[in-house]
């Protein structure tokens, strides 16, 4: 009737508690991430925050990145970064000729 397999429906229905547990764990992790983010003046990104959280137990870096994106947390970056090649100015006539 809905165009899905019966077994898929029952698998989805039976995993409802697991999804709720994961959501509760994510909700508990967000304040910890926000605290670390605030303590380090919003300069820590998901990689450094993952390292900080690893002291309490293993946390996946992709999970931290997803939660940071969902809660509008990002690291402050300097806009004046340049690559070393951009500083070298070679006259075009020397390159072509």
PDB file of N, CA and C in Angstrom:
ATOM      1  N   UNK A   1       0.809  -1.187   0.000  1.00  0.00           N
ATOM      2  CA  UNK A   1       0.000   0.000   0.000  1.00  0.00           C
ATOM      3  C   UNK A   1       0.862   1.264   0.000  1.00  0.00           C
ATOM      4  N   UNK A   2       1.882   1.330   0.854  1.00  0.00           N
ATOM      5  CA  UNK A   2       2.754   2.504   0.898  1.00  0.00           C
ATOM      6  C   UNK A   2       3.929   2.389  -0.072  1.00  0.00           C
ATOM      7  N   UNK A   3       4.125   1.256  -0.646  1.00  0.00           N
ATOM      8  CA  UNK A   3       5.218   1.076  -1.594  1.00  0.00           C
ATOM      9  C   UNK A   3       6.537   0.708  -0.938  1.00  0.00           C
ATOM     10  N   UNK A   4       6.491   0.225   0.308  1.00  0.00           N
ATOM     11  CA  UNK A   4       7.710  -0.230   0.982  1.00  0.00           C
ATOM     12  C   UNK A   4       7.515  -1.670   1.431  1.00  0.00           C
ATOM     13  N   UNK A   5       8.607  -2.335   1.676  1.00  0.00           N
ATOM     14  CA  UNK A   5       8.545  -3.717   2.141  1.00  0.00           C
ATOM     15  C   UNK A   5       8.035  -3.761   3.579  1.00  0.00           C
ATOM     16  N   UNK A   6       7.305  -4.796   3.882  1.00  0.00           N
ATOM     17  CA  UNK A   6       6.783  -4.967   5.236  1.00  0.00           C
ATOM     18  C   UNK A   6       7.912  -5.054   6.256  1.00  0.00           C
ATOM     19  N   UNK A   7       8.975  -5.754   5.891  1.00  0.00           N
ATOM     20  CA  UNK A   7      10.102  -5.906   6.813  1.00  0.00           C
ATOM     21  C   UNK A   7      10.780  -4.562   7.095  1.00  0.00           C
ATOM     22  N   UNK A   8      10.793  -3.673   6.103  1.00  0.00           N
ATOM     23  CA  UNK A   8      11.387  -2.351   6.298  1.00  0.00           C
ATOM     24  C   UNK A   8      10.578  -1.545   7.305  1.00  0.00           C
ATOM     25  N   UNK A   9       9.269  -1.661   7.240  1.00  0.00           N
ATOM     26  CA  UNK A   9       8.430  -0.951   8.200  1.00  0.00           C
ATOM     27  C   UNK A   9       8.686  -1.449   9.615  1.00  0.00           C
ATOM     28  N   UNK A  10       8.741  -2.760   9.789  1.00  0.00           N
ATOM     29  CA  UNK A  10       8.939  -3.310  11.124  1.00  0.00           C
ATOM     30  C   UNK A  10      10.337  -2.997  11.659  1.00  0.00           C
ATOM     31  N   UNK A  11      11.323  -2.976  10.790  1.00  0.00           N
ATOM     32  CA  UNK A  11      12.668  -2.611  11.218  1.00  0.00           C
ATOM     33  C   UNK A  11      12.692  -1.153  11.673  1.00  0.00           C
ATOM     34  N   UNK A  12      12.041  -0.274  10.921  1.00  0.00           N
ATOM     35  CA  UNK A  12      11.963   1.130  11.302  1.00  0.00           C
ATOM     36  C   UNK A  12      11.217   1.293  12.622  1.00  0.00           C
ATOM     37  N   UNK A  13      10.107   0.582  12.770  1.00  0.00           N
ATOM     38  CA  UNK A  13       9.303   0.688  13.985  1.00  0.00           C
ATOM     39  C   UNK A  13      10.062   0.186  15.212  1.00  0.00           C
ATOM     40  N   UNK A  14      10.790  -0.897  15.046  1.00  0.00           N
ATOM     41  CA  UNK A  14      11.509  -1.486  16.168  1.00  0.00           C
ATOM     42  C   UNK A  14      12.754  -0.690  16.551  1.00  0.00           C
ATOM     43  N   UNK A  15      13.266   0.147  15.645  1.00  0.00           N
ATOM     44  CA  UNK A  15      14.474   0.912  15.941  1.00  0.00           C
ATOM     45  C   UNK A  15      14.148   2.303  16.493  1.00  0.00           C
ATOM     46  N   UNK A  16      12.910   2.563  16.788  1.00  0.00           N
ATOM     47  CA  UNK A  16      12.487   3.868  17.291  1.00  0.00           C
ATOM     48  C   UNK A  16      13.206   4.233  18.595  1.00  0.00           C
ATOM     49  N   UNK A  17      13.349   3.268  19.504  1.00  0.00           N
ATOM     50  CA  UNK A  17      14.019   3.520  20.779  1.00  0.00           C
ATOM     51  C   UNK A  17      15.504   3.811  20.577  1.00  0.00           C
ATOM     52  N   UNK A  18      16.127   3.102  19.634  1.00  0.00           N
ATOM     53  CA  UNK A  18      17.540   3.347  19.347  1.00  0.00           C
ATOM     54  C   UNK A  18      17.763   4.766  18.838  1.00  0.00           C
ATOM     55  N   UNK A  19      16.878   5.233  17.958  1.00  0.00           N
ATOM     56  CA  UNK A  19      16.990   6.594  17.439  1.00  0.00           C
ATOM     57  C   UNK A  19      16.788   7.620  18.547  1.00  0.00           C
ATOM     58  N   UNK A  20      15.877   7.341  19.454  1.00  0.00           N
ATOM     59  CA  UNK A  20      15.643   8.247  20.577  1.00  0.00           C
ATOM     60  C   UNK A  20      16.861   8.288  21.496  1.00  0.00           C
ATOM     61  N   UNK A  21      17.510   7.134  21.705  1.00  0.00           N
ATOM     62  CA  UNK A  21      18.719   7.093  22.539  1.00  0.00           C
ATOM     63  C   UNK A  21      19.851   7.898  21.915  1.00  0.00           C
ATOM     64  N   UNK A  22      20.013   7.769  20.595  1.00  0.00           N
ATOM     65  CA  UNK A  22      21.059   8.529  19.901  1.00  0.00           C
ATOM     66  C   UNK A  22      20.789  10.029  19.981  1.00  0.00           C
ATOM     67  N   UNK A  23      19.522  10.408  19.842  1.00  0.00           N
ATOM     68  CA  UNK A  23      19.168  11.827  19.926  1.00  0.00           C
ATOM     69  C   UNK A  23      19.443  12.363  21.326  1.00  0.00           C
ATOM     70  N   UNK A  24      19.143  11.554  22.352  1.00  0.00           N
ATOM     71  CA  UNK A  24      19.401  11.980  23.726  1.00  0.00           C
ATOM     72  C   UNK A  24      20.902  12.134  23.971  1.00  0.00           C
ATOM     73  N   UNK A  25      21.703  11.222  23.403  1.00  0.00           N
ATOM     74  CA  UNK A  25      23.156  11.324  23.548  1.00  0.00           C
ATOM     75  C   UNK A  25      23.683  12.570  22.840  1.00  0.00           C
ATOM     76  N   UNK A  26      23.135  12.872  21.661  1.00  0.00           N
ATOM     77  CA  UNK A  26      23.533  14.087  20.943  1.00  0.00           C
ATOM     78  C   UNK A  26      23.153  15.335  21.736  1.00  0.00           C
ATOM     79  N   UNK A  27      21.968  15.317  22.322  1.00  0.00           N
ATOM     80  CA  UNK A  27      21.521  16.465  23.115  1.00  0.00           C
ATOM     81  C   UNK A  27      22.398  16.677  24.346  1.00  0.00           C
ATOM     82  N   UNK A  28      22.937  15.594  24.895  1.00  0.00           N
ATOM     83  CA  UNK A  28      23.831  15.714  26.045  1.00  0.00           C
ATOM     84  C   UNK A  28      25.220  16.185  25.636  1.00  0.00           C
ATOM     85  N   UNK A  29      25.611  15.912  24.398  1.00  0.00           N
ATOM     86  CA  UNK A  29      26.946  16.263  23.913  1.00  0.00           C
ATOM     87  C   UNK A  29      27.033  17.730  23.473  1.00  0.00           C
ATOM     88  N   UNK A  30      25.938  18.297  23.019  1.00  0.00           N
ATOM     89  CA  UNK A  30      25.941  19.673  22.505  1.00  0.00           C
ATOM     90  C   UNK A  30      26.404  20.684  23.557  1.00  0.00           C
ATOM     91  N   UNK A  31      25.937  20.636  24.810  1.00  0.00           N
ATOM     92  CA  UNK A  31      26.441  21.604  25.796  1.00  0.00           C
ATOM     93  C   UNK A  31      27.941  21.469  26.059  1.00  0.00           C
ATOM     94  N   UNK A  32      28.464  20.251  26.017  1.00  0.00           N
ATOM     95  CA  UNK A  32      29.905  20.062  26.197  1.00  0.00           C
ATOM     96  C   UNK A  32      30.674  20.703  25.049  1.00  0.00           C
ATOM     97  N   UNK A  33      30.192  20.508  23.848  1.00  0.00           N
ATOM     98  CA  UNK A  33      30.833  21.115  22.672  1.00  0.00           C
ATOM     99  C   UNK A  33      30.766  22.631  22.779  1.00  0.00           C
ATOM    100  N   UNK A  34      29.607  23.158  23.164  1.00  0.00           N
ATOM    101  CA  UNK A  34      29.438  24.614  23.279  1.00  0.00           C
ATOM    102  C   UNK A  34      30.359  25.186  24.353  1.00  0.00           C
ATOM    103  N   UNK A  35      30.538  24.471  25.460  1.00  0.00           N
ATOM    104  CA  UNK A  35      31.431  24.947  26.515  1.00  0.00           C
ATOM    105  C   UNK A  35      32.870  25.039  26.028  1.00  0.00           C
ATOM    106  N   UNK A  36      33.342  23.991  25.373  1.00  0.00           N
ATOM    107  CA  UNK A  36      34.716  23.997  24.839  1.00  0.00           C
ATOM    108  C   UNK A  36      34.865  25.106  23.810  1.00  0.00           C
ATOM    109  N   UNK A  37      33.865  25.250  22.954  1.00  0.00           N
ATOM    110  CA  UNK A  37      33.887  26.271  21.909  1.00  0.00           C
ATOM    111  C   UNK A  37      33.965  27.668  22.533  1.00  0.00           C
ATOM    112  N   UNK A  38      33.233  27.881  23.610  1.00  0.00           N
ATOM    113  CA  UNK A  38      33.207  29.175  24.280  1.00  0.00           C
ATOM    114  C   UNK A  38      34.495  29.437  25.059  1.00  0.00           C
ATOM    115  N   UNK A  39      35.008  28.397  25.745  1.00  0.00           N
ATOM    116  CA  UNK A  39      36.226  28.559  26.541  1.00  0.00           C
ATOM    117  C   UNK A  39      37.403  28.966  25.660  1.00  0.00           C
ATOM    118  N   UNK A  40      37.494  28.417  24.482  1.00  0.00           N
ATOM    119  CA  UNK A  40      38.611  28.720  23.590  1.00  0.00           C
ATOM    120  C   UNK A  40      38.284  29.856  22.623  1.00  0.00           C
ATOM    121  N   UNK A  41      37.368  30.728  23.025  1.00  0.00           N
ATOM    122  CA  UNK A  41      37.027  31.936  22.257  1.00  0.00           C
ATOM    123  C   UNK A  41      36.638  31.651  20.816  1.00  0.00           C
ATOM    124  N   UNK A  42      35.935  30.573  20.615  1.00  0.00           N
ATOM    125  CA  UNK A  42      35.413  30.181  19.295  1.00  0.00           C
ATOM    126  C   UNK A  42      36.510  29.982  18.251  1.00  0.00           C
ATOM    127  N   UNK A  43      37.704  29.606  18.703  1.00  0.00           N
ATOM    128  CA  UNK A  43      38.796  29.356  17.769  1.00  0.00           C
ATOM    129  C   UNK A  43      38.989  27.869  17.494  1.00  0.00           C
ATOM    130  N   UNK A  44      38.391  27.017  18.307  1.00  0.00           N
ATOM    131  CA  UNK A  44      38.532  25.576  18.097  1.00  0.00           C
ATOM    132  C   UNK A  44      37.466  25.083  17.119  1.00  0.00           C
ATOM    133  N   UNK A  45      37.912  24.328  16.142  1.00  0.00           N
ATOM    134  CA  UNK A  45      37.003  23.690  15.206  1.00  0.00           C
ATOM    135  C   UNK A  45      36.667  22.292  15.676  1.00  0.00           C
ATOM    136  N   UNK A  46      36.015  21.525  14.801  1.00  0.00           N
ATOM    137  CA  UNK A  46      35.555  20.203  15.212  1.00  0.00           C
ATOM    138  C   UNK A  46      36.703  19.250  15.506  1.00  0.00           C
ATOM    139  N   UNK A  47      37.841  19.405  14.850  1.00  0.00           N
ATOM    140  CA  UNK A  47      38.955  18.486  15.101  1.00  0.00           C
ATOM    141  C   UNK A  47      39.512  18.654  16.510  1.00  0.00           C
ATOM    142  N   UNK A  48      39.780  19.891  16.906  1.00  0.00           N
ATOM    143  CA  UNK A  48      40.327  20.137  18.243  1.00  0.00           C
ATOM    144  C   UNK A  48      39.293  19.835  19.328  1.00  0.00           C
ATOM    145  N   UNK A  49      38.044  20.125  19.065  1.00  0.00           N
ATOM    146  CA  UNK A  49      37.002  19.812  20.042  1.00  0.00           C
ATOM    147  C   UNK A  49      36.873  18.306  20.210  1.00  0.00           C
ATOM    148  N   UNK A  50      37.022  17.553  19.137  1.00  0.00           N
ATOM    149  CA  UNK A  50      36.988  16.093  19.233  1.00  0.00           C
ATOM    150  C   UNK A  50      38.107  15.582  20.120  1.00  0.00           C
ATOM    151  N   UNK A  51      39.291  16.169  19.996  1.00  0.00           N
ATOM    152  CA  UNK A  51      40.421  15.773  20.839  1.00  0.00           C
ATOM    153  C   UNK A  51      40.128  16.093  22.301  1.00  0.00           C
ATOM    154  N   UNK A  52      39.539  17.258  22.547  1.00  0.00           N
ATOM    155  CA  UNK A  52      39.187  17.632  23.921  1.00  0.00           C
ATOM    156  C   UNK A  52      38.155  16.665  24.505  1.00  0.00           C
ATOM    157  N   UNK A  53      37.177  16.271  23.711  1.00  0.00           N
ATOM    158  CA  UNK A  53      36.136  15.366  24.187  1.00  0.00           C
ATOM    159  C   UNK A  53      36.631  13.937  24.347  1.00  0.00           C
ATOM    160  N   UNK A  54      37.713  13.590  23.669  1.00  0.00           N
ATOM    161  CA  UNK A  54      38.229  12.217  23.725  1.00  0.00           C
ATOM    162  C   UNK A  54      38.750  11.853  25.105  1.00  0.00           C
ATOM    163  N   UNK A  55      38.998  12.835  25.958  1.00  0.00           N
ATOM    164  CA  UNK A  55      39.440  12.548  27.320  1.00  0.00           C
ATOM    165  C   UNK A  55      38.336  11.844  28.108  1.00  0.00           C
ATOM    166  N   UNK A  56      37.081  12.143  27.803  1.00  0.00           N
ATOM    167  CA  UNK A  56      35.949  11.511  28.494  1.00  0.00           C
ATOM    168  C   UNK A  56      35.552  10.181  27.872  1.00  0.00           C
ATOM    169  N   UNK A  57      35.882   9.991  26.637  1.00  0.00           N
ATOM    170  CA  UNK A  57      35.530   8.759  25.926  1.00  0.00           C
ATOM    171  C   UNK A  57      35.569   9.022  24.433  1.00  0.00           C
ATOM    172  N   UNK A  58      35.556   7.968  23.639  1.00  0.00           N
ATOM    173  CA  UNK A  58      35.660   8.158  22.187  1.00  0.00           C
ATOM    174  C   UNK A  58      34.431   8.857  21.605  1.00  0.00           C
ATOM    175  N   UNK A  59      34.709   9.843  20.761  1.00  0.00           N
ATOM    176  CA  UNK A  59      33.661  10.574  20.054  1.00  0.00           C
ATOM    177  C   UNK A  59      34.103  10.700  18.605  1.00  0.00           C
ATOM    178  N   UNK A  60      33.207  10.435  17.688  1.00  0.00           N
ATOM    179  CA  UNK A  60      33.531  10.496  16.266  1.00  0.00           C
ATOM    180  C   UNK A  60      33.601  11.959  15.812  1.00  0.00           C
ATOM    181  N   UNK A  61      34.620  12.282  15.038  1.00  0.00           N
ATOM    182  CA  UNK A  61      34.804  13.666  14.569  1.00  0.00           C
ATOM    183  C   UNK A  61      33.669  14.105  13.651  1.00  0.00           C
ATOM    184  N   UNK A  62      33.093  13.170  12.895  1.00  0.00           N
ATOM    185  CA  UNK A  62      31.992  13.532  12.013  1.00  0.00           C
ATOM    186  C   UNK A  62      30.733  13.883  12.816  1.00  0.00           C
ATOM    187  N   UNK A  63      30.568  13.213  13.936  1.00  0.00           N
ATOM    188  CA  UNK A  63      29.440  13.519  14.807  1.00  0.00           C
ATOM    189  C   UNK A  63      29.582  14.920  15.400  1.00  0.00           C
ATOM    190  N   UNK A  64      30.796  15.253  15.838  1.00  0.00           N
ATOM    191  CA  UNK A  64      31.052  16.588  16.391  1.00  0.00           C
ATOM    192  C   UNK A  64      30.824  17.647  15.316  1.00  0.00           C
ATOM    193  N   UNK A  65      31.304  17.393  14.103  1.00  0.00           N
ATOM    194  CA  UNK A  65      31.121  18.353  13.006  1.00  0.00           C
ATOM    195  C   UNK A  65      29.635  18.530  12.691  1.00  0.00           C
ATOM    196  N   UNK A  66      28.877  17.441  12.670  1.00  0.00           N
ATOM    197  CA  UNK A  66      27.444  17.521  12.387  1.00  0.00           C
ATOM    198  C   UNK A  66      26.717  18.321  13.460  1.00  0.00           C
ATOM    199  N   UNK A  67      27.040  18.077  14.725  1.00  0.00           N
ATOM    200  CA  UNK A  67      26.386  18.796  15.812  1.00  0.00           C
ATOM    201  C   UNK A  67      26.775  20.276  15.818  1.00  0.00           C
ATOM    202  N   UNK A  68      28.018  20.568  15.474  1.00  0.00           N
ATOM    203  CA  UNK A  68      28.436  21.974  15.401  1.00  0.00           C
ATOM    204  C   UNK A  68      27.710  22.695  14.269  1.00  0.00           C
ATOM    205  N   UNK A  69      27.586  22.042  13.118  1.00  0.00           N
ATOM    206  CA  UNK A  69      26.852  22.655  12.008  1.00  0.00           C
ATOM    207  C   UNK A  69      25.394  22.893  12.374  1.00  0.00           C
ATOM    208  N   UNK A  70      24.777  21.909  13.027  1.00  0.00           N
ATOM    209  CA  UNK A  70      23.356  22.017  13.384  1.00  0.00           C
ATOM    210  C   UNK A  70      23.110  23.129  14.395  1.00  0.00           C
ATOM    211  N   UNK A  71      24.115  23.463  15.191  1.00  0.00           N
ATOM    212  CA  UNK A  71      23.966  24.488  16.227  1.00  0.00           C
ATOM    213  C   UNK A  71      24.705  25.779  15.890  1.00  0.00           C
ATOM    214  N   UNK A  72      25.051  25.964  14.631  1.00  0.00           N
ATOM    215  CA  UNK A  72      25.690  27.194  14.132  1.00  0.00           C
ATOM    216  C   UNK A  72      26.957  27.552  14.891  1.00  0.00           C
ATOM    217  N   UNK A  73      27.793  26.569  15.142  1.00  0.00           N
ATOM    218  CA  UNK A  73      29.090  26.815  15.770  1.00  0.00           C
ATOM    219  C   UNK A  73      30.172  26.583  14.720  1.00  0.00           C
ATOM    220  N   UNK A  74      31.032  27.552  14.544  1.00  0.00           N
ATOM    221  CA  UNK A  74      32.156  27.381  13.634  1.00  0.00           C
ATOM    222  C   UNK A  74      33.359  28.103  14.214  1.00  0.00           C
ATOM    223  N   UNK A  75      34.514  27.663  13.800  1.00  0.00           N
ATOM    224  CA  UNK A  75      35.747  28.258  14.306  1.00  0.00           C
ATOM    225  C   UNK A  75      36.000  29.585  13.604  1.00  0.00           C
ATOM    226  N   UNK A  76      36.560  30.528  14.342  1.00  0.00           N
ATOM    227  CA  UNK A  76      36.957  31.808  13.781  1.00  0.00           C
ATOM    228  C   UNK A  76      38.229  31.608  12.975  1.00  0.00           C
ATOM    229  N   UNK A  77      38.250  32.067  11.749  1.00  0.00           N
ATOM    230  CA  UNK A  77      39.435  31.944  10.915  1.00  0.00           C
ATOM    231  C   UNK A  77      39.896  33.317  10.478  1.00  0.00           C
ATOM    232  N   UNK A  78      41.167  33.425  10.266  1.00  0.00           N
ATOM    233  CA  UNK A  78      41.750  34.676   9.815  1.00  0.00           C
ATOM    234  C   UNK A  78      41.561  34.783   8.299  1.00  0.00           C
ATOM    235  N   UNK A  79      41.032  35.884   7.844  1.00  0.00           N
ATOM    236  CA  UNK A  79      40.743  36.057   6.427  1.00  0.00           C
ATOM    237  C   UNK A  79      41.976  36.442   5.626  1.00  0.00           C
ATOM    238  N   UNK A  80      43.105  36.753   6.284  1.00  0.00           N
ATOM    239  CA  UNK A  80      44.278  37.241   5.582  1.00  0.00           C
ATOM    240  C   UNK A  80      45.278  36.151   5.219  1.00  0.00           C
ATOM    241  N   UNK A  81      44.853  34.918   5.223  1.00  0.00           N
ATOM    242  CA  UNK A  81      45.785  33.842   4.874  1.00  0.00           C
ATOM    243  C   UNK A  81      46.078  33.861   3.387  1.00  0.00           C
ATOM    244  N   UNK A  82      47.356  33.707   3.063  1.00  0.00           N
ATOM    245  CA  UNK A  82      47.776  33.652   1.668  1.00  0.00           C
ATOM    246  C   UNK A  82      48.712  32.484   1.493  1.00  0.00           C
ATOM    247  N   UNK A  83      48.695  31.941   0.325  1.00  0.00           N
ATOM    248  CA  UNK A  83      49.627  30.864   0.044  1.00  0.00           C
ATOM    249  C   UNK A  83      50.991  31.476  -0.270  1.00  0.00           C
ATOM    250  N   UNK A  84      52.080  30.733  -0.050  1.00  0.00           N
ATOM    251  CA  UNK A  84      53.412  31.274  -0.334  1.00  0.00           C
ATOM    252  C   UNK A  84      53.592  31.646  -1.801  1.00  0.00           C
ATOM    253  N   UNK A  85      52.899  30.996  -2.699  1.00  0.00           N
ATOM    254  CA  UNK A  85      53.049  31.291  -4.121  1.00  0.00           C
ATOM    255  C   UNK A  85      52.458  32.644  -4.498  1.00  0.00           C
ATOM    256  N   UNK A  86      51.470  33.101  -3.752  1.00  0.00           N
ATOM    257  CA  UNK A  86      50.835  34.366  -4.107  1.00  0.00           C
ATOM    258  C   UNK A  86      51.753  35.556  -3.835  1.00  0.00           C
ATOM    259  N   UNK A  87      52.801  35.366  -3.058  1.00  0.00           N
ATOM    260  CA  UNK A  87      53.732  36.461  -2.738  1.00  0.00           C
ATOM    261  C   UNK A  87      54.813  36.637  -3.812  1.00  0.00           C
ATOM    262  N   UNK A  88      55.032  35.622  -4.601  1.00  0.00           N
ATOM    263  CA  UNK A  88      56.073  35.687  -5.628  1.00  0.00           C
ATOM    264  C   UNK A  88      55.467  36.281  -6.892  1.00  0.00           C
ATOM    265  N   UNK A  89      56.024  37.393  -7.321  1.00  0.00           N
ATOM    266  CA  UNK A  89      55.537  38.057  -8.530  1.00  0.00           C
ATOM    267  C   UNK A  89      56.616  37.975  -9.602  1.00  0.00           C
ATOM    268  N   UNK A  90      56.352  37.169 -10.608  1.00  0.00           N
ATOM    269  CA  UNK A  90      57.288  37.021 -11.716  1.00  0.00           C
ATOM    270  C   UNK A  90      56.674  37.719 -12.927  1.00  0.00           C
ATOM    271  N   UNK A  91      57.443  38.556 -13.592  1.00  0.00           N
ATOM    272  CA  UNK A  91      56.900  39.219 -14.795  1.00  0.00           C
ATOM    273  C   UNK A  91      56.458  38.195 -15.839  1.00  0.00           C
ATOM    274  N   UNK A  92      55.331  38.444 -16.427  1.00  0.00           N
ATOM    275  CA  UNK A  92      54.767  37.512 -17.401  1.00  0.00           C
ATOM    276  C   UNK A  92      55.670  37.331 -18.614  1.00  0.00           C
ATOM    277  N   UNK A  93      56.407  38.346 -18.970  1.00  0.00           N
ATOM    278  CA  UNK A  93      57.287  38.249 -20.148  1.00  0.00           C
ATOM    279  C   UNK A  93      58.381  37.213 -19.935  1.00  0.00           C
ATOM    280  N   UNK A  94      58.814  37.014 -18.705  1.00  0.00           N
ATOM    281  CA  UNK A  94      59.833  36.004 -18.417  1.00  0.00           C
ATOM    282  C   UNK A  94      59.263  34.603 -18.475  1.00  0.00           C
ATOM    283  N   UNK A  95      57.998  34.446 -18.220  1.00  0.00           N
ATOM    284  CA  UNK A  95      57.377  33.120 -18.229  1.00  0.00           C
ATOM    285  C   UNK A  95      57.073  32.638 -19.641  1.00  0.00           C
ATOM    286  N   UNK A  96      56.669  33.521 -20.527  1.00  0.00           N
ATOM    287  CA  UNK A  96      56.246  33.131 -21.857  1.00  0.00           C
ATOM    288  C   UNK A  96      57.427  32.979 -22.805  1.00  0.00           C
ATOM    289  N   UNK A  97      58.366  33.828 -22.745  1.00  0.00           N
ATOM    290  CA  UNK A  97      59.317  33.965 -23.746  1.00  0.00           C
ATOM    291  C   UNK A  97      60.513  33.285 -23.913  1.00  0.00           C
TER     292      UNK A  97
END
